[in-house]
Structures are given as structure tokens and as C-alpha cells.
Amino acid sequence: MMRIVLFDAKPYDRVHFDEANKAFGFDIAYLEPSLSARTAILARGADVVCPFVNCTVDRETLDILASEGVKLIALRSAGFNNTDFRYAQEKGIPVVRVPAYSPHAVAEHSFALLLALVRKLTHAYVRTREFNFSLSGLVGMDLHGKKMGIVGTGKIGRAAIDIAKGFGMEVLAYDPYPAQIEGVRYCGLDELLSQSDVISLYCPLTKDNRHLIGEKTLKTIKESAYIINTSRGGLIDSEALLEALKEKRIAGAALDVYEEEAGIFYTDQSDEGIADDTLARLISMPNVIITSHQGYLTKEALGAISETTLENVREFAEGRPLTNQVK
């Protein structure tokens, strides 16, 4: 029987993996710590380790895992930017992932953030909780007729395009590999940033697009525009974004990810606060909404993640080709 160790496991992970495992029968252990070189020793006796998105699977970590006999890295996420999969390949350890679980979950969350931001719903909620029913300062913006800039037109981006069309928005798109999508006009990134009323990111993080939204590109964005990021935190230079917000060079931002989120997101910091000044200042701004990387967090997505991850392990155990191997 294959032994799987889930790192950075939360109660909702256990619920869905236990349910999915009824069809597989693996031996699964759930560990709270995130996977890194400091915690890799906890994988002793495991055939498979299952890290989450903010785990660090670097060379040092992989050396330890290999020495402990780990045979497979089964990421339970689509992103793999924190995993040195090339070095893993050198060590003879395949890396598999969950390329698609529920693109609708992330796309819908991005629009939930957008609506909360442009209609000032968080401010209205706090006011009415205190029996303040004034509407002063709560003037919002119609989405209908506005230009939506979609950066990245993979499965999540396409789901977002469908939602944007439903709102009656004009959709501009940028992707190095354009697709044929009805009602979408592809353009260069500079044009998209300068013309869009809403800019939403749906692309993986690579060495080429790190800080895609940074000091230079922020200067091309309209003062009335909003930025939404439910993709990867490193796509935005957080300090440059903070300066643009302070100087009122953009209208607002909604972030479900943050470039230095590891060790902060998915944890309760309410008793001690956070030492990250940039994040603390972003959270304090009235035109910023931040959620803790929860875009994927629906019952449907968690079920799909569990099933796909365990199917990836079964393919490996049975010596079959690995459908979702990172190469």
C-alpha cells in the first residue's frame, strides 16, 4: 500500500481526501507543517509527499526527500513555481500536479472581489452592523459597458471571460498563446493595461512575468482602473502597487494572493499581527480587499483536487504513464 504524507494539511483537506480515498485505499498521513528543508524529515517512511502551493520543494528539500526514499511528489495544486521539478527529475522523483480542478471557483471569486471592491460592500457591511445606514461615500461603478482586461486565457481566464460577458463588459485579452474566443479582442499588454477599466490576472508565475504589474506598467494604467489578482502573488510588485495606491494612480485593488504570503496566509495571525509592513499597509487601505488565497476553496474544487491527486498516485503505483506530470 502506498503511503502518502500531506504537508500543510488543513481540516477541510482531510475531509475531502478521506472521502476520495474510499475509492483508492491509500495510507494517508496529514501533517500541519508546510514542506521545506526543515520539515522534509517528517516524510520518513512515505512513498509519496503531497505539498500545497506555498510549500518549498527546493534542492535541499529534494535531497532530504530522496534520502528518505520518497518516490513521487504529488502537488495538490496547479502551480509548481515553488518546486524545482528539473532537479527532482535528476533525482529520479517525478512531479505530478492538478492542472485543473474548478476554473469556475477562481473566476467566480475574482468577480466576488471585484463587486465587493467597486460597490464598496465591505464598508457598507461594517456600517450597517453598527446601525449606520448612511450612503455617503458608497457610490460605486457599473461594470456593464466597461472594458475588462484579462491577462491569461487558460481555463480560468476563459471562465472569467464568460462572466465578464454576462455583465455586458467589453473584453480585451493578452496571452502569449492567443486562442480563438468569440467576442474577445486580443491585444498587446501595454494596450490592455492602458485601456482597461478592470485588469484581472489569470496566468501562472514564470521567471519572465514576475512583477508583470510593477513600477513601469503601473504608470500606464488608468487612474480609474481596478486590479484583481487571484493567480500568483509574484505577478505584482507589492511595494510598487502600494505606492500607486497611495498616490491615487489607480482606483483600487483586490488580491487573493500576495508575493510574500508563505508563512502568513492559511494561518491565524490575529493575536500577534504581521511583521510584513507592505501587507499590513495594503490591508489598511480603504480601496483594497485582500483574501487569504481562498479562490479555489469550494466543495467542488476540493473534491476534484483530492480525486485527481489520488488518481495521479494510482497511475504511479501501477506503473502507468503519468497524465499530469510536470515536464
C-alpha atoms as a PDB file:
ATOM      1  CA  MET A   1       0.000   0.000   0.000  1.00  0.00           C
ATOM      2  CA  MET A   2       1.346   3.416  -0.972  1.00  0.00           C
ATOM      3  CA  ARG A   3       1.926   5.743   1.979  1.00  0.00           C
ATOM      4  CA  ILE A   4       1.154   9.405   1.265  1.00  0.00           C
ATOM      5  CA  VAL A   5       2.086  12.310   3.528  1.00  0.00           C
ATOM      6  CA  LEU A   6       0.121  15.542   3.046  1.00  0.00           C
ATOM      7  CA  PHE A   7       2.039  18.595   4.184  1.00  0.00           C
ATOM      8  CA  ASP A   8       0.327  21.866   5.112  1.00  0.00           C
ATOM      9  CA  ALA A   9      -2.866  19.871   5.657  1.00  0.00           C
ATOM     10  CA  LYS A  10      -5.976  21.633   6.909  1.00  0.00           C
ATOM     11  CA  PRO A  11      -9.190  20.101   8.325  1.00  0.00           C
ATOM     12  CA  TYR A  12     -11.011  20.601   5.009  1.00  0.00           C
ATOM     13  CA  ASP A  13      -8.199  18.741   3.193  1.00  0.00           C
ATOM     14  CA  ARG A  14      -8.679  15.741   5.451  1.00  0.00           C
ATOM     15  CA  VAL A  15     -12.456  15.680   4.937  1.00  0.00           C
ATOM     16  CA  HIS A  16     -12.182  15.617   1.153  1.00  0.00           C
ATOM     17  CA  PHE A  17      -9.129  13.347   0.882  1.00  0.00           C
ATOM     18  CA  ASP A  18     -10.662  10.814   3.274  1.00  0.00           C
ATOM     19  CA  GLU A  19     -13.829  10.787   1.189  1.00  0.00           C
ATOM     20  CA  ALA A  20     -11.955  10.422  -2.103  1.00  0.00           C
ATOM     21  CA  ASN A  21      -9.619   7.778  -0.655  1.00  0.00           C
ATOM     22  CA  LYS A  22     -12.545   5.382  -0.159  1.00  0.00           C
ATOM     23  CA  ALA A  23     -12.106   4.537  -3.836  1.00  0.00           C
ATOM     24  CA  PHE A  24      -8.309   4.170  -3.611  1.00  0.00           C
ATOM     25  CA  GLY A  25      -7.383   2.749  -0.209  1.00  0.00           C
ATOM     26  CA  PHE A  26      -4.053   4.526   0.270  1.00  0.00           C
ATOM     27  CA  ASP A  27      -2.398   5.066   3.649  1.00  0.00           C
ATOM     28  CA  ILE A  28      -2.607   8.846   4.130  1.00  0.00           C
ATOM     29  CA  ALA A  29      -0.976  10.864   6.924  1.00  0.00           C
ATOM     30  CA  TYR A  30      -1.893  14.522   7.458  1.00  0.00           C
ATOM     31  CA  LEU A  31       0.740  16.955   8.735  1.00  0.00           C
ATOM     32  CA  GLU A  32       0.166  20.604   9.645  1.00  0.00           C
ATOM     33  CA  PRO A  33       3.698  21.900   8.877  1.00  0.00           C
ATOM     34  CA  SER A  34       4.486  23.201   5.412  1.00  0.00           C
ATOM     35  CA  LEU A  35       7.046  21.187   3.461  1.00  0.00           C
ATOM     36  CA  SER A  36      10.555  22.657   3.416  1.00  0.00           C
ATOM     37  CA  ALA A  37      14.115  21.555   4.137  1.00  0.00           C
ATOM     38  CA  ARG A  38      13.354  21.960   7.857  1.00  0.00           C
ATOM     39  CA  THR A  39      10.341  19.632   7.789  1.00  0.00           C
ATOM     40  CA  ALA A  40      11.225  17.191   4.999  1.00  0.00           C
ATOM     41  CA  ILE A  41      12.458  14.632   7.547  1.00  0.00           C
ATOM     42  CA  LEU A  42       8.798  14.173   8.561  1.00  0.00           C
ATOM     43  CA  ALA A  43       8.292  12.322   5.268  1.00  0.00           C
ATOM     44  CA  ARG A  44      10.347   9.375   6.547  1.00  0.00           C
ATOM     45  CA  GLY A  45       8.638   6.141   5.522  1.00  0.00           C
ATOM     46  CA  ALA A  46       6.484   7.805   2.859  1.00  0.00           C
ATOM     47  CA  ASP A  47       6.338   6.754  -0.773  1.00  0.00           C
ATOM     48  CA  VAL A  48       4.641   9.998  -1.807  1.00  0.00           C
ATOM     49  CA  VAL A  49       4.673  13.528  -0.426  1.00  0.00           C
ATOM     50  CA  CYS A  50       1.803  15.846  -1.223  1.00  0.00           C
ATOM     51  CA  PRO A  51       2.751  19.543  -0.854  1.00  0.00           C
ATOM     52  CA  PHE A  52       0.468  22.524  -1.244  1.00  0.00           C
ATOM     53  CA  VAL A  53       1.028  25.758  -3.112  1.00  0.00           C
ATOM     54  CA  ASN A  54       3.230  27.570  -0.562  1.00  0.00           C
ATOM     55  CA  CYS A  55       5.446  24.609   0.305  1.00  0.00           C
ATOM     56  CA  THR A  56       9.101  24.930  -0.722  1.00  0.00           C
ATOM     57  CA  VAL A  57      10.330  21.915  -2.673  1.00  0.00           C
ATOM     58  CA  ASP A  58      13.817  23.146  -3.496  1.00  0.00           C
ATOM     59  CA  ARG A  59      17.092  21.269  -3.971  1.00  0.00           C
ATOM     60  CA  GLU A  60      17.807  20.934  -0.274  1.00  0.00           C
ATOM     61  CA  THR A  61      14.305  19.645   0.402  1.00  0.00           C
ATOM     62  CA  LEU A  62      14.507  17.203  -2.505  1.00  0.00           C
ATOM     63  CA  ASP A  63      17.859  15.842  -1.314  1.00  0.00           C
ATOM     64  CA  ILE A  64      16.289  15.005   2.042  1.00  0.00           C
ATOM     65  CA  LEU A  65      13.176  13.508   0.484  1.00  0.00           C
ATOM     66  CA  ALA A  66      15.271  11.340  -1.832  1.00  0.00           C
ATOM     67  CA  SER A  67      17.408  10.129   1.077  1.00  0.00           C
ATOM     68  CA  GLU A  68      14.219   9.140   2.914  1.00  0.00           C
ATOM     69  CA  GLY A  69      13.013   7.050  -0.042  1.00  0.00           C
ATOM     70  CA  VAL A  70      10.275   9.329  -1.372  1.00  0.00           C
ATOM     71  CA  LYS A  71       9.398   8.227  -4.895  1.00  0.00           C
ATOM     72  CA  LEU A  72       6.815  10.802  -6.035  1.00  0.00           C
ATOM     73  CA  ILE A  73       5.944  14.458  -5.469  1.00  0.00           C
ATOM     74  CA  ALA A  74       2.176  14.812  -5.877  1.00  0.00           C
ATOM     75  CA  LEU A  75       1.349  18.519  -5.836  1.00  0.00           C
ATOM     76  CA  ARG A  76      -2.257  19.203  -4.931  1.00  0.00           C
ATOM     77  CA  SER A  77      -2.247  22.471  -6.868  1.00  0.00           C
ATOM     78  CA  ALA A  78      -1.959  23.653 -10.441  1.00  0.00           C
ATOM     79  CA  GLY A  79       1.019  25.930  -9.774  1.00  0.00           C
ATOM     80  CA  PHE A  80       4.505  24.484  -9.428  1.00  0.00           C
ATOM     81  CA  ASN A  81       6.695  27.590  -9.222  1.00  0.00           C
ATOM     82  CA  ASN A  82       7.916  26.636  -5.716  1.00  0.00           C
ATOM     83  CA  THR A  83       9.016  23.179  -6.865  1.00  0.00           C
ATOM     84  CA  ASP A  84      12.373  22.548  -8.553  1.00  0.00           C
ATOM     85  CA  PHE A  85      10.908  19.887 -10.832  1.00  0.00           C
ATOM     86  CA  ARG A  86      14.030  19.733 -13.008  1.00  0.00           C
ATOM     87  CA  TYR A  87      16.190  18.801 -10.028  1.00  0.00           C
ATOM     88  CA  ALA A  88      13.522  16.343  -8.898  1.00  0.00           C
ATOM     89  CA  GLN A  89      13.763  14.729 -12.314  1.00  0.00           C
ATOM     90  CA  GLU A  90      17.530  14.438 -11.863  1.00  0.00           C
ATOM     91  CA  LYS A  91      16.920  12.710  -8.534  1.00  0.00           C
ATOM     92  CA  GLY A  92      14.532  10.292 -10.221  1.00  0.00           C
ATOM     93  CA  ILE A  93      11.449  11.676  -8.472  1.00  0.00           C
ATOM     94  CA  PRO A  94       8.567  12.542 -10.832  1.00  0.00           C
ATOM     95  CA  VAL A  95       6.414  15.581 -10.038  1.00  0.00           C
ATOM     96  CA  VAL A  96       2.697  15.484 -10.794  1.00  0.00           C
ATOM     97  CA  ARG A  97       0.107  18.202 -10.266  1.00  0.00           C
ATOM     98  CA  VAL A  98      -3.599  19.028 -10.520  1.00  0.00           C
ATOM     99  CA  PRO A  99      -3.747  21.134 -13.697  1.00  0.00           C
ATOM    100  CA  ALA A 100      -7.472  21.894 -13.463  1.00  0.00           C
ATOM    101  CA  TYR A 101      -9.868  21.397 -10.583  1.00  0.00           C
ATOM    102  CA  SER A 102     -12.520  24.105 -10.841  1.00  0.00           C
ATOM    103  CA  PRO A 103     -11.648  27.071 -13.017  1.00  0.00           C
ATOM    104  CA  HIS A 104     -15.087  28.447 -12.181  1.00  0.00           C
ATOM    105  CA  ALA A 105     -14.219  28.640  -8.461  1.00  0.00           C
ATOM    106  CA  VAL A 106     -11.291  31.012  -9.017  1.00  0.00           C
ATOM    107  CA  ALA A 107     -13.005  33.020 -11.750  1.00  0.00           C
ATOM    108  CA  GLU A 108     -16.121  33.491  -9.633  1.00  0.00           C
ATOM    109  CA  HIS A 109     -14.036  34.543  -6.625  1.00  0.00           C
ATOM    110  CA  SER A 110     -12.299  37.197  -8.704  1.00  0.00           C
ATOM    111  CA  PHE A 111     -15.668  38.705  -9.591  1.00  0.00           C
ATOM    112  CA  ALA A 112     -16.825  38.466  -5.989  1.00  0.00           C
ATOM    113  CA  LEU A 113     -13.768  40.526  -5.078  1.00  0.00           C
ATOM    114  CA  LEU A 114     -14.398  42.936  -7.937  1.00  0.00           C
ATOM    115  CA  LEU A 115     -18.020  43.551  -6.975  1.00  0.00           C
ATOM    116  CA  ALA A 116     -17.135  43.977  -3.310  1.00  0.00           C
ATOM    117  CA  LEU A 117     -14.472  46.493  -4.323  1.00  0.00           C
ATOM    118  CA  VAL A 118     -16.355  48.629  -6.859  1.00  0.00           C
ATOM    119  CA  ARG A 119     -19.631  48.599  -4.896  1.00  0.00           C
ATOM    120  CA  LYS A 120     -17.872  49.178  -1.545  1.00  0.00           C
ATOM    121  CA  LEU A 121     -19.665  46.225   0.024  1.00  0.00           C
ATOM    122  CA  THR A 122     -17.186  45.750   2.866  1.00  0.00           C
ATOM    123  CA  HIS A 123     -17.685  49.353   4.002  1.00  0.00           C
ATOM    124  CA  ALA A 124     -21.476  49.030   3.731  1.00  0.00           C
ATOM    125  CA  TYR A 125     -21.433  45.797   5.741  1.00  0.00           C
ATOM    126  CA  VAL A 126     -19.409  47.333   8.577  1.00  0.00           C
ATOM    127  CA  ARG A 127     -21.671  50.408   8.653  1.00  0.00           C
ATOM    128  CA  THR A 128     -24.942  48.525   8.868  1.00  0.00           C
ATOM    129  CA  ARG A 129     -23.527  46.252  11.584  1.00  0.00           C
ATOM    130  CA  GLU A 130     -23.162  49.469  13.596  1.00  0.00           C
ATOM    131  CA  PHE A 131     -26.671  50.644  12.539  1.00  0.00           C
ATOM    132  CA  ASN A 132     -25.214  53.327  10.295  1.00  0.00           C
ATOM    133  CA  PHE A 133     -27.412  53.404   7.186  1.00  0.00           C
ATOM    134  CA  SER A 134     -25.855  56.428   5.511  1.00  0.00           C
ATOM    135  CA  LEU A 135     -24.964  56.031   1.838  1.00  0.00           C
ATOM    136  CA  SER A 136     -22.345  58.797   1.803  1.00  0.00           C
ATOM    137  CA  GLY A 137     -19.065  57.578   0.366  1.00  0.00           C
ATOM    138  CA  LEU A 138     -20.577  54.389  -1.067  1.00  0.00           C
ATOM    139  CA  VAL A 139     -21.023  55.481  -4.681  1.00  0.00           C
ATOM    140  CA  GLY A 140     -19.966  52.587  -6.908  1.00  0.00           C
ATOM    141  CA  MET A 141     -19.365  51.877 -10.594  1.00  0.00           C
ATOM    142  CA  ASP A 142     -21.340  49.930 -13.196  1.00  0.00           C
ATOM    143  CA  LEU A 143     -19.484  47.001 -14.733  1.00  0.00           C
ATOM    144  CA  HIS A 144     -21.792  46.985 -17.745  1.00  0.00           C
ATOM    145  CA  GLY A 145     -20.118  48.656 -20.727  1.00  0.00           C
ATOM    146  CA  LYS A 146     -16.674  48.790 -19.081  1.00  0.00           C
ATOM    147  CA  LYS A 147     -13.534  47.235 -20.528  1.00  0.00           C
ATOM    148  CA  MET A 148     -12.289  44.101 -18.783  1.00  0.00           C
ATOM    149  CA  GLY A 149      -8.627  43.268 -19.383  1.00  0.00           C
ATOM    150  CA  ILE A 150      -7.975  39.529 -18.996  1.00  0.00           C
ATOM    151  CA  VAL A 151      -4.295  38.593 -18.695  1.00  0.00           C
ATOM    152  CA  GLY A 152      -4.042  34.873 -19.381  1.00  0.00           C
ATOM    153  CA  THR A 153      -6.730  32.995 -21.291  1.00  0.00           C
ATOM    154  CA  GLY A 154      -6.335  29.469 -19.987  1.00  0.00           C
ATOM    155  CA  LYS A 155      -9.247  27.637 -18.378  1.00  0.00           C
ATOM    156  CA  ILE A 156      -9.659  30.123 -15.519  1.00  0.00           C
ATOM    157  CA  GLY A 157      -9.261  33.118 -17.808  1.00  0.00           C
ATOM    158  CA  ARG A 158     -11.890  31.745 -20.178  1.00  0.00           C
ATOM    159  CA  ALA A 159     -14.305  31.171 -17.296  1.00  0.00           C
ATOM    160  CA  ALA A 160     -13.725  34.797 -16.292  1.00  0.00           C
ATOM    161  CA  ILE A 161     -14.357  35.931 -19.863  1.00  0.00           C
ATOM    162  CA  ASP A 162     -17.760  34.239 -19.821  1.00  0.00           C
ATOM    163  CA  ILE A 163     -18.648  36.014 -16.564  1.00  0.00           C
ATOM    164  CA  ALA A 164     -17.456  39.369 -17.903  1.00  0.00           C
ATOM    165  CA  LYS A 165     -19.610  38.943 -20.988  1.00  0.00           C
ATOM    166  CA  GLY A 166     -22.552  38.190 -18.727  1.00  0.00           C
ATOM    167  CA  PHE A 167     -22.056  41.583 -17.107  1.00  0.00           C
ATOM    168  CA  GLY A 168     -22.057  43.200 -20.533  1.00  0.00           C
ATOM    169  CA  MET A 169     -18.367  44.101 -20.411  1.00  0.00           C
ATOM    170  CA  GLU A 170     -16.099  44.540 -23.412  1.00  0.00           C
ATOM    171  CA  VAL A 171     -13.258  42.016 -23.087  1.00  0.00           C
ATOM    172  CA  LEU A 172      -9.645  42.683 -24.028  1.00  0.00           C
ATOM    173  CA  ALA A 173      -7.176  39.824 -23.620  1.00  0.00           C
ATOM    174  CA  TYR A 174      -3.450  39.266 -23.540  1.00  0.00           C
ATOM    175  CA  ASP A 175      -1.784  35.864 -23.741  1.00  0.00           C
ATOM    176  CA  PRO A 176       1.482  34.766 -25.395  1.00  0.00           C
ATOM    177  CA  TYR A 177      -0.560  31.941 -26.928  1.00  0.00           C
ATOM    178  CA  PRO A 178      -3.848  33.505 -28.104  1.00  0.00           C
ATOM    179  CA  ALA A 179      -6.893  31.333 -28.696  1.00  0.00           C
ATOM    180  CA  GLN A 180      -9.950  31.821 -30.860  1.00  0.00           C
ATOM    181  CA  ILE A 181     -12.561  33.114 -28.391  1.00  0.00           C
ATOM    182  CA  GLU A 182     -15.718  34.724 -29.689  1.00  0.00           C
ATOM    183  CA  GLY A 183     -16.266  38.289 -28.544  1.00  0.00           C
ATOM    184  CA  VAL A 184     -12.703  38.766 -27.270  1.00  0.00           C
ATOM    185  CA  ARG A 185     -10.135  41.100 -28.756  1.00  0.00           C
ATOM    186  CA  TYR A 186      -6.518  40.139 -28.163  1.00  0.00           C
ATOM    187  CA  CYS A 187      -4.036  42.990 -27.927  1.00  0.00           C
ATOM    188  CA  GLY A 188      -0.600  43.805 -26.563  1.00  0.00           C
ATOM    189  CA  LEU A 189      -0.099  44.055 -22.824  1.00  0.00           C
ATOM    190  CA  ASP A 190       0.569  47.801 -22.926  1.00  0.00           C
ATOM    191  CA  GLU A 191      -2.678  48.446 -24.799  1.00  0.00           C
ATOM    192  CA  LEU A 192      -4.638  46.237 -22.423  1.00  0.00           C
ATOM    193  CA  LEU A 193      -3.241  47.977 -19.340  1.00  0.00           C
ATOM    194  CA  SER A 194      -3.821  51.479 -20.694  1.00  0.00           C
ATOM    195  CA  GLN A 195      -7.392  50.898 -21.924  1.00  0.00           C
ATOM    196  CA  SER A 196      -8.953  48.560 -19.350  1.00  0.00           C
ATOM    197  CA  ASP A 197     -11.223  49.679 -16.536  1.00  0.00           C
ATOM    198  CA  VAL A 198     -10.607  46.384 -14.746  1.00  0.00           C
ATOM    199  CA  ILE A 199      -7.411  44.329 -15.084  1.00  0.00           C
ATOM    200  CA  SER A 200      -7.602  40.742 -13.859  1.00  0.00           C
ATOM    201  CA  LEU A 201      -4.701  38.282 -13.822  1.00  0.00           C
ATOM    202  CA  TYR A 202      -5.171  34.587 -14.644  1.00  0.00           C
ATOM    203  CA  CYS A 203      -1.692  33.387 -15.574  1.00  0.00           C
ATOM    204  CA  PRO A 204       0.954  31.177 -13.962  1.00  0.00           C
ATOM    205  CA  LEU A 205       4.061  32.754 -12.441  1.00  0.00           C
ATOM    206  CA  THR A 206       7.228  32.331 -14.507  1.00  0.00           C
ATOM    207  CA  LYS A 207      10.652  33.938 -14.478  1.00  0.00           C
ATOM    208  CA  ASP A 208       9.559  36.023 -17.469  1.00  0.00           C
ATOM    209  CA  ASN A 209       6.385  37.513 -15.990  1.00  0.00           C
ATOM    210  CA  ARG A 210       7.434  38.106 -12.376  1.00  0.00           C
ATOM    211  CA  HIS A 211       6.264  41.625 -11.400  1.00  0.00           C
ATOM    212  CA  LEU A 212       4.242  41.853 -14.590  1.00  0.00           C
ATOM    213  CA  ILE A 213       2.444  44.620 -12.732  1.00  0.00           C
ATOM    214  CA  GLY A 214       5.279  46.779 -11.449  1.00  0.00           C
ATOM    215  CA  GLU A 215       6.551  50.334 -11.257  1.00  0.00           C
ATOM    216  CA  LYS A 216       6.757  50.731 -15.038  1.00  0.00           C
ATOM    217  CA  THR A 217       3.478  49.077 -16.034  1.00  0.00           C
ATOM    218  CA  LEU A 218       1.536  50.755 -13.235  1.00  0.00           C
ATOM    219  CA  LYS A 219       2.288  54.099 -14.888  1.00  0.00           C
ATOM    220  CA  THR A 220       0.334  53.028 -17.975  1.00  0.00           C
ATOM    221  CA  ILE A 221      -2.848  52.069 -16.083  1.00  0.00           C
ATOM    222  CA  LYS A 222      -5.773  54.495 -15.878  1.00  0.00           C
ATOM    223  CA  GLU A 223      -6.379  56.277 -12.560  1.00  0.00           C
ATOM    224  CA  SER A 224      -9.935  54.940 -12.604  1.00  0.00           C
ATOM    225  CA  ALA A 225      -8.881  51.305 -13.108  1.00  0.00           C
ATOM    226  CA  TYR A 226      -9.029  48.396 -10.665  1.00  0.00           C
ATOM    227  CA  ILE A 227      -6.560  45.492 -10.436  1.00  0.00           C
ATOM    228  CA  ILE A 228      -7.663  41.975  -9.465  1.00  0.00           C
ATOM    229  CA  ASN A 229      -5.211  39.133  -8.790  1.00  0.00           C
ATOM    230  CA  THR A 230      -6.387  35.613  -7.973  1.00  0.00           C
ATOM    231  CA  SER A 231      -3.435  33.952  -9.692  1.00  0.00           C
ATOM    232  CA  ARG A 232       0.062  34.202  -8.156  1.00  0.00           C
ATOM    233  CA  GLY A 233       1.315  36.916  -5.819  1.00  0.00           C
ATOM    234  CA  GLY A 234       4.625  37.353  -7.638  1.00  0.00           C
ATOM    235  CA  LEU A 235       2.847  38.724 -10.689  1.00  0.00           C
ATOM    236  CA  ILE A 236       2.527  42.037  -8.823  1.00  0.00           C
ATOM    237  CA  ASP A 237       5.292  44.127  -7.267  1.00  0.00           C
ATOM    238  CA  SER A 238       3.559  44.762  -3.952  1.00  0.00           C
ATOM    239  CA  GLU A 239       5.597  47.809  -2.979  1.00  0.00           C
ATOM    240  CA  ALA A 240       5.023  49.430  -6.380  1.00  0.00           C
ATOM    241  CA  LEU A 241       1.310  48.681  -6.068  1.00  0.00           C
ATOM    242  CA  LEU A 242       1.226  50.258  -2.615  1.00  0.00           C
ATOM    243  CA  GLU A 243       2.888  53.436  -3.922  1.00  0.00           C
ATOM    244  CA  ALA A 244       0.437  53.643  -6.823  1.00  0.00           C
ATOM    245  CA  LEU A 245      -2.487  53.326  -4.411  1.00  0.00           C
ATOM    246  CA  LYS A 246      -1.059  55.927  -2.032  1.00  0.00           C
ATOM    247  CA  GLU A 247      -0.550  58.364  -4.911  1.00  0.00           C
ATOM    248  CA  LYS A 248      -4.077  57.619  -6.240  1.00  0.00           C
ATOM    249  CA  ARG A 249      -2.714  56.470  -9.591  1.00  0.00           C
ATOM    250  CA  ILE A 250      -5.178  53.560  -9.620  1.00  0.00           C
ATOM    251  CA  ALA A 251      -8.681  53.277  -8.160  1.00  0.00           C
ATOM    252  CA  GLY A 252      -8.193  50.123  -6.100  1.00  0.00           C
ATOM    253  CA  ALA A 253      -7.019  46.535  -5.908  1.00  0.00           C
ATOM    254  CA  ALA A 254      -8.393  43.172  -4.796  1.00  0.00           C
ATOM    255  CA  LEU A 255      -5.871  40.442  -4.072  1.00  0.00           C
ATOM    256  CA  ASP A 256      -6.362  36.795  -3.209  1.00  0.00           C
ATOM    257  CA  VAL A 257      -2.605  36.200  -3.400  1.00  0.00           C
ATOM    258  CA  TYR A 258       0.495  38.038  -2.195  1.00  0.00           C
ATOM    259  CA  GLU A 259       4.110  37.567  -3.220  1.00  0.00           C
ATOM    260  CA  GLU A 260       5.311  37.027   0.376  1.00  0.00           C
ATOM    261  CA  GLU A 261       2.250  35.109   1.556  1.00  0.00           C
ATOM    262  CA  ALA A 262       4.128  31.964   2.674  1.00  0.00           C
ATOM    263  CA  GLY A 263       4.002  31.685   6.448  1.00  0.00           C
ATOM    264  CA  ILE A 264       1.174  34.240   6.657  1.00  0.00           C
ATOM    265  CA  PHE A 265      -1.727  33.030   4.530  1.00  0.00           C
ATOM    266  CA  TYR A 266      -3.575  29.951   5.802  1.00  0.00           C
ATOM    267  CA  THR A 267      -2.568  30.816   9.389  1.00  0.00           C
ATOM    268  CA  ASP A 268      -4.217  32.728  12.248  1.00  0.00           C
ATOM    269  CA  GLN A 269      -2.112  35.836  12.950  1.00  0.00           C
ATOM    270  CA  SER A 270      -4.812  37.684  14.895  1.00  0.00           C
ATOM    271  CA  ASP A 271      -3.056  37.509  18.280  1.00  0.00           C
ATOM    272  CA  GLU A 272       0.381  38.638  17.126  1.00  0.00           C
ATOM    273  CA  GLY A 273      -0.208  40.714  13.990  1.00  0.00           C
ATOM    274  CA  ILE A 274       2.110  40.559  10.978  1.00  0.00           C
ATOM    275  CA  ALA A 275       5.653  41.814  10.551  1.00  0.00           C
ATOM    276  CA  ASP A 276       5.221  42.427   6.811  1.00  0.00           C
ATOM    277  CA  ASP A 277       4.758  46.207   6.661  1.00  0.00           C
ATOM    278  CA  THR A 278       3.773  46.239   2.991  1.00  0.00           C
ATOM    279  CA  LEU A 279       0.981  43.735   3.509  1.00  0.00           C
ATOM    280  CA  ALA A 280      -0.197  45.484   6.674  1.00  0.00           C
ATOM    281  CA  ARG A 281      -0.404  48.807   4.842  1.00  0.00           C
ATOM    282  CA  LEU A 282      -2.241  47.260   1.891  1.00  0.00           C
ATOM    283  CA  ILE A 283      -4.793  45.697   4.242  1.00  0.00           C
ATOM    284  CA  SER A 284      -5.326  49.049   5.960  1.00  0.00           C
ATOM    285  CA  MET A 285      -6.199  50.899   2.748  1.00  0.00           C
ATOM    286  CA  PRO A 286      -9.903  51.640   2.140  1.00  0.00           C
ATOM    287  CA  ASN A 287      -9.726  50.763  -1.565  1.00  0.00           C
ATOM    288  CA  VAL A 288      -8.015  47.387  -1.127  1.00  0.00           C
ATOM    289  CA  ILE A 289      -9.575  43.992  -0.389  1.00  0.00           C
ATOM    290  CA  ILE A 290      -7.347  41.029   0.474  1.00  0.00           C
ATOM    291  CA  THR A 291      -8.424  37.430   0.942  1.00  0.00           C
ATOM    292  CA  SER A 292      -6.149  34.596   2.013  1.00  0.00           C
ATOM    293  CA  HIS A 293      -5.676  32.591  -1.209  1.00  0.00           C
ATOM    294  CA  GLN A 294      -9.194  31.182  -0.975  1.00  0.00           C
ATOM    295  CA  GLY A 295     -10.202  31.486  -4.606  1.00  0.00           C
ATOM    296  CA  TYR A 296     -10.056  27.714  -5.064  1.00  0.00           C
ATOM    297  CA  LEU A 297     -11.899  26.968  -1.812  1.00  0.00           C
ATOM    298  CA  THR A 298     -15.197  25.421  -2.881  1.00  0.00           C
ATOM    299  CA  LYS A 299     -16.582  21.948  -2.196  1.00  0.00           C
ATOM    300  CA  GLU A 300     -16.411  21.143  -5.880  1.00  0.00           C
ATOM    301  CA  ALA A 301     -12.784  22.215  -6.237  1.00  0.00           C
ATOM    302  CA  LEU A 302     -11.618  20.442  -3.075  1.00  0.00           C
ATOM    303  CA  GLY A 303     -13.295  17.251  -4.238  1.00  0.00           C
ATOM    304  CA  ALA A 304     -11.662  17.478  -7.665  1.00  0.00           C
ATOM    305  CA  ILE A 305      -8.237  18.219  -6.151  1.00  0.00           C
ATOM    306  CA  SER A 306      -8.471  15.169  -3.886  1.00  0.00           C
ATOM    307  CA  GLU A 307      -9.628  12.822  -6.630  1.00  0.00           C
ATOM    308  CA  THR A 308      -7.077  13.995  -9.201  1.00  0.00           C
ATOM    309  CA  THR A 309      -4.207  13.864  -6.714  1.00  0.00           C
ATOM    310  CA  LEU A 310      -5.024  10.303  -5.687  1.00  0.00           C
ATOM    311  CA  GLU A 311      -5.522   9.246  -9.304  1.00  0.00           C
ATOM    312  CA  ASN A 312      -2.049  10.674 -10.043  1.00  0.00           C
ATOM    313  CA  VAL A 313      -0.661   8.477  -7.258  1.00  0.00           C
ATOM    314  CA  ARG A 314      -2.525   5.410  -8.554  1.00  0.00           C
ATOM    315  CA  GLU A 315      -1.067   5.894 -12.037  1.00  0.00           C
ATOM    316  CA  PHE A 316       2.403   5.946 -10.491  1.00  0.00           C
ATOM    317  CA  ALA A 317       1.741   2.917  -8.272  1.00  0.00           C
ATOM    318  CA  GLU A 318       0.503   0.914 -11.252  1.00  0.00           C
ATOM    319  CA  GLY A 319       3.412   1.948 -13.466  1.00  0.00           C
ATOM    320  CA  ARG A 320       1.188   3.732 -15.957  1.00  0.00           C
ATOM    321  CA  PRO A 321       2.103   6.928 -17.862  1.00  0.00           C
ATOM    322  CA  LEU A 322       1.699   9.976 -15.608  1.00  0.00           C
ATOM    323  CA  THR A 323      -1.030  12.084 -17.194  1.00  0.00           C
ATOM    324  CA  ASN A 324      -0.305  15.191 -15.129  1.00  0.00           C
ATOM    325  CA  GLN A 325       3.470  15.024 -14.836  1.00  0.00           C
ATOM    326  CA  VAL A 326       5.342  18.322 -14.817  1.00  0.00           C
ATOM    327  CA  LYS A 327       8.000  18.166 -17.519  1.00  0.00           C
END
